[in-house]
Amino acid sequence: MRYAAVVDVMPKEGIADPQGQTIEKALPALGYGGVAEIRVGKRIELQLEAAGPDEARERVLEMCERLLANPVIEVYEVTIR
């Protein structure tokens, strides 16, 4: 069966986020005050074949650990549809 998976990856708390810091500094210059603690991550969407949703989730979790995320500095969340 074919499943859709979504992986949301974000820097761990306490890890420097230069993209988030740049955006946070630029927004007030564009007239958007009162915005703080901006974090920038990535979203990965993929389709995969699996016998069931549990197998699909396990395969995607393995992909995250091996390639899609850096578990040392990032956290991730997997959604299977």
N, C-alpha and C. Protein backbone atom coordinates (compact mmCIF):
# COMPACT_ATOMS: atom_id res chain seq x y z
N MET A 1 0.83 -1.17 0.00
CA MET A 1 0.00 0.00 0.00
C MET A 1 0.88 1.25 0.00
N ARG A 2 0.40 2.30 -0.60
CA ARG A 2 1.18 3.54 -0.67
C ARG A 2 0.73 4.50 0.44
N TYR A 3 1.72 5.09 1.12
CA TYR A 3 1.46 6.04 2.19
C TYR A 3 2.19 7.34 1.90
N ALA A 4 1.61 8.42 2.38
CA ALA A 4 2.26 9.73 2.33
C ALA A 4 2.84 9.99 3.71
N ALA A 5 4.03 10.50 3.74
CA ALA A 5 4.68 10.83 5.01
C ALA A 5 5.12 12.28 4.97
N VAL A 6 5.00 12.92 6.11
CA VAL A 6 5.48 14.29 6.28
C VAL A 6 6.44 14.28 7.46
N VAL A 7 7.62 14.85 7.25
CA VAL A 7 8.62 14.95 8.31
C VAL A 7 8.90 16.43 8.54
N ASP A 8 8.65 16.90 9.75
CA ASP A 8 8.98 18.27 10.14
C ASP A 8 10.23 18.22 11.00
N VAL A 9 11.25 18.96 10.58
CA VAL A 9 12.54 18.96 11.25
C VAL A 9 12.83 20.36 11.77
N MET A 10 13.23 20.45 13.04
CA MET A 10 13.55 21.73 13.66
C MET A 10 14.84 21.61 14.45
N PRO A 11 15.57 22.73 14.59
CA PRO A 11 16.76 22.69 15.46
C PRO A 11 16.33 22.42 16.90
N LYS A 12 17.14 21.69 17.62
CA LYS A 12 16.87 21.44 19.04
C LYS A 12 16.95 22.77 19.80
N GLU A 13 16.23 22.83 20.92
CA GLU A 13 16.33 23.99 21.80
C GLU A 13 17.78 24.17 22.22
N GLY A 14 18.24 25.40 22.21
CA GLY A 14 19.61 25.69 22.62
C GLY A 14 20.62 25.63 21.48
N ILE A 15 20.20 25.14 20.32
CA ILE A 15 21.09 25.09 19.16
C ILE A 15 20.94 26.40 18.39
N ALA A 16 22.04 26.99 18.00
CA ALA A 16 22.00 28.25 17.25
C ALA A 16 21.19 28.07 15.97
N ASP A 17 20.39 29.08 15.66
CA ASP A 17 19.56 29.07 14.45
C ASP A 17 19.82 30.37 13.70
N PRO A 18 20.89 30.44 12.91
CA PRO A 18 21.23 31.69 12.24
C PRO A 18 20.14 32.21 11.31
N GLN A 19 19.42 31.32 10.63
CA GLN A 19 18.33 31.76 9.75
C GLN A 19 17.23 32.42 10.57
N GLY A 20 16.86 31.80 11.66
CA GLY A 20 15.84 32.37 12.53
C GLY A 20 16.26 33.72 13.09
N GLN A 21 17.53 33.84 13.48
CA GLN A 21 18.03 35.10 14.02
C GLN A 21 18.02 36.19 12.96
N THR A 22 18.38 35.85 11.73
CA THR A 22 18.37 36.83 10.64
C THR A 22 16.96 37.33 10.38
N ILE A 23 16.02 36.43 10.34
CA ILE A 23 14.62 36.81 10.12
C ILE A 23 14.12 37.68 11.27
N GLU A 24 14.45 37.27 12.49
CA GLU A 24 14.00 38.01 13.66
C GLU A 24 14.53 39.45 13.66
N LYS A 25 15.75 39.65 13.18
CA LYS A 25 16.33 40.99 13.10
C LYS A 25 15.73 41.81 11.95
N ALA A 26 15.34 41.14 10.87
CA ALA A 26 14.84 41.85 9.69
C ALA A 26 13.38 42.26 9.80
N LEU A 27 12.57 41.52 10.51
CA LEU A 27 11.13 41.81 10.57
C LEU A 27 10.79 43.20 11.11
N PRO A 28 11.43 43.67 12.18
CA PRO A 28 11.11 45.02 12.64
C PRO A 28 11.37 46.10 11.59
N ALA A 29 12.41 45.92 10.78
CA ALA A 29 12.70 46.89 9.72
C ALA A 29 11.61 46.91 8.67
N LEU A 30 10.85 45.83 8.58
CA LEU A 30 9.74 45.76 7.62
C LEU A 30 8.41 46.14 8.27
N GLY A 31 8.46 46.58 9.54
CA GLY A 31 7.26 47.03 10.21
C GLY A 31 6.56 45.96 11.02
N TYR A 32 7.21 44.83 11.26
CA TYR A 32 6.60 43.74 12.03
C TYR A 32 7.28 43.62 13.39
N GLY A 33 6.86 44.45 14.32
CA GLY A 33 7.42 44.43 15.66
C GLY A 33 6.74 43.37 16.51
N GLY A 34 7.33 43.12 17.67
CA GLY A 34 6.74 42.19 18.62
C GLY A 34 6.84 40.73 18.23
N VAL A 35 7.72 40.40 17.32
CA VAL A 35 7.91 39.01 16.91
C VAL A 35 9.22 38.53 17.52
N ALA A 36 9.20 37.35 18.14
CA ALA A 36 10.40 36.86 18.81
C ALA A 36 10.49 35.34 18.70
N GLU A 37 11.66 34.84 19.02
CA GLU A 37 11.94 33.40 19.09
C GLU A 37 11.60 32.68 17.78
N ILE A 38 12.05 33.23 16.68
CA ILE A 38 11.82 32.62 15.37
C ILE A 38 12.79 31.47 15.19
N ARG A 39 12.27 30.33 14.78
CA ARG A 39 13.09 29.15 14.49
C ARG A 39 12.76 28.71 13.07
N VAL A 40 13.75 28.36 12.32
CA VAL A 40 13.56 27.93 10.94
C VAL A 40 13.89 26.44 10.84
N GLY A 41 12.99 25.70 10.24
CA GLY A 41 13.20 24.27 10.05
C GLY A 41 12.95 23.88 8.62
N LYS A 42 12.66 22.61 8.42
CA LYS A 42 12.36 22.12 7.07
C LYS A 42 11.25 21.10 7.14
N ARG A 43 10.53 20.98 6.04
CA ARG A 43 9.44 20.02 5.92
C ARG A 43 9.76 19.13 4.72
N ILE A 44 9.70 17.84 4.93
CA ILE A 44 9.99 16.86 3.89
C ILE A 44 8.73 16.04 3.68
N GLU A 45 8.26 15.96 2.44
CA GLU A 45 7.09 15.15 2.11
C GLU A 45 7.53 14.05 1.17
N LEU A 46 7.06 12.83 1.41
CA LEU A 46 7.43 11.72 0.55
C LEU A 46 6.32 10.69 0.50
N GLN A 47 6.36 9.87 -0.52
CA GLN A 47 5.44 8.74 -0.70
C GLN A 47 6.27 7.47 -0.58
N LEU A 48 5.70 6.46 0.07
CA LEU A 48 6.43 5.20 0.16
C LEU A 48 5.47 4.02 0.21
N GLU A 49 5.96 2.89 -0.23
CA GLU A 49 5.22 1.64 -0.20
C GLU A 49 5.53 0.93 1.12
N ALA A 50 4.48 0.44 1.78
CA ALA A 50 4.65 -0.31 3.03
C ALA A 50 3.43 -1.19 3.23
N ALA A 51 3.60 -2.24 4.04
CA ALA A 51 2.49 -3.17 4.30
C ALA A 51 1.40 -2.54 5.14
N GLY A 52 1.75 -1.56 5.96
CA GLY A 52 0.77 -0.89 6.81
C GLY A 52 1.35 0.40 7.36
N PRO A 53 0.54 1.18 8.06
CA PRO A 53 1.02 2.47 8.56
C PRO A 53 2.14 2.35 9.59
N ASP A 54 2.13 1.30 10.39
CA ASP A 54 3.21 1.13 11.36
C ASP A 54 4.55 0.87 10.67
N GLU A 55 4.52 0.05 9.63
CA GLU A 55 5.75 -0.20 8.87
C GLU A 55 6.21 1.07 8.18
N ALA A 56 5.28 1.83 7.63
CA ALA A 56 5.63 3.09 6.96
C ALA A 56 6.32 4.03 7.95
N ARG A 57 5.74 4.16 9.15
CA ARG A 57 6.32 5.03 10.17
C ARG A 57 7.73 4.57 10.55
N GLU A 58 7.91 3.28 10.75
CA GLU A 58 9.23 2.75 11.12
C GLU A 58 10.27 3.04 10.04
N ARG A 59 9.87 2.86 8.78
CA ARG A 59 10.81 3.12 7.68
C ARG A 59 11.19 4.60 7.63
N VAL A 60 10.21 5.48 7.81
CA VAL A 60 10.50 6.91 7.76
C VAL A 60 11.34 7.33 8.97
N LEU A 61 11.07 6.78 10.14
CA LEU A 61 11.90 7.08 11.31
C LEU A 61 13.35 6.67 11.06
N GLU A 62 13.54 5.53 10.43
CA GLU A 62 14.90 5.09 10.10
C GLU A 62 15.55 6.05 9.10
N MET A 63 14.78 6.50 8.12
CA MET A 63 15.30 7.48 7.15
C MET A 63 15.73 8.76 7.85
N CYS A 64 14.94 9.18 8.84
CA CYS A 64 15.28 10.39 9.59
C CYS A 64 16.60 10.23 10.34
N GLU A 65 16.76 9.10 10.99
CA GLU A 65 17.98 8.85 11.76
C GLU A 65 19.21 8.76 10.87
N ARG A 66 19.03 8.25 9.65
CA ARG A 66 20.18 8.01 8.76
C ARG A 66 20.47 9.16 7.80
N LEU A 67 19.44 9.96 7.42
CA LEU A 67 19.67 10.95 6.38
C LEU A 67 18.86 12.24 6.51
N LEU A 68 17.57 12.13 6.78
CA LEU A 68 16.69 13.30 6.67
C LEU A 68 16.89 14.33 7.78
N ALA A 69 17.39 13.92 8.92
CA ALA A 69 17.63 14.83 10.04
C ALA A 69 18.97 14.51 10.67
N ASN A 70 19.50 15.47 11.39
CA ASN A 70 20.71 15.25 12.16
C ASN A 70 20.28 15.16 13.63
N PRO A 71 20.13 13.94 14.16
CA PRO A 71 19.59 13.78 15.52
C PRO A 71 20.43 14.44 16.61
N VAL A 72 21.65 14.80 16.31
CA VAL A 72 22.50 15.46 17.31
C VAL A 72 22.01 16.88 17.55
N ILE A 73 21.57 17.57 16.50
CA ILE A 73 21.18 18.98 16.64
C ILE A 73 19.74 19.27 16.21
N GLU A 74 19.00 18.26 15.74
CA GLU A 74 17.65 18.49 15.28
C GLU A 74 16.68 17.49 15.91
N VAL A 75 15.44 17.94 16.03
CA VAL A 75 14.34 17.06 16.41
C VAL A 75 13.42 16.96 15.21
N TYR A 76 12.66 15.87 15.13
CA TYR A 76 11.77 15.71 13.99
C TYR A 76 10.48 15.04 14.44
N GLU A 77 9.45 15.28 13.64
CA GLU A 77 8.14 14.69 13.88
C GLU A 77 7.66 14.07 12.57
N VAL A 78 7.18 12.84 12.64
CA VAL A 78 6.72 12.11 11.44
C VAL A 78 5.22 11.96 11.50
N THR A 79 4.57 12.30 10.40
CA THR A 79 3.13 12.08 10.25
C THR A 79 2.91 11.17 9.04
N ILE A 80 2.16 10.11 9.23
CA ILE A 80 1.84 9.18 8.14
C ILE A 80 0.37 9.37 7.78
N ARG A 81 0.11 9.47 6.48
CA ARG A 81 -1.28 9.62 6.01
C ARG A 81 -1.64 8.47 5.13
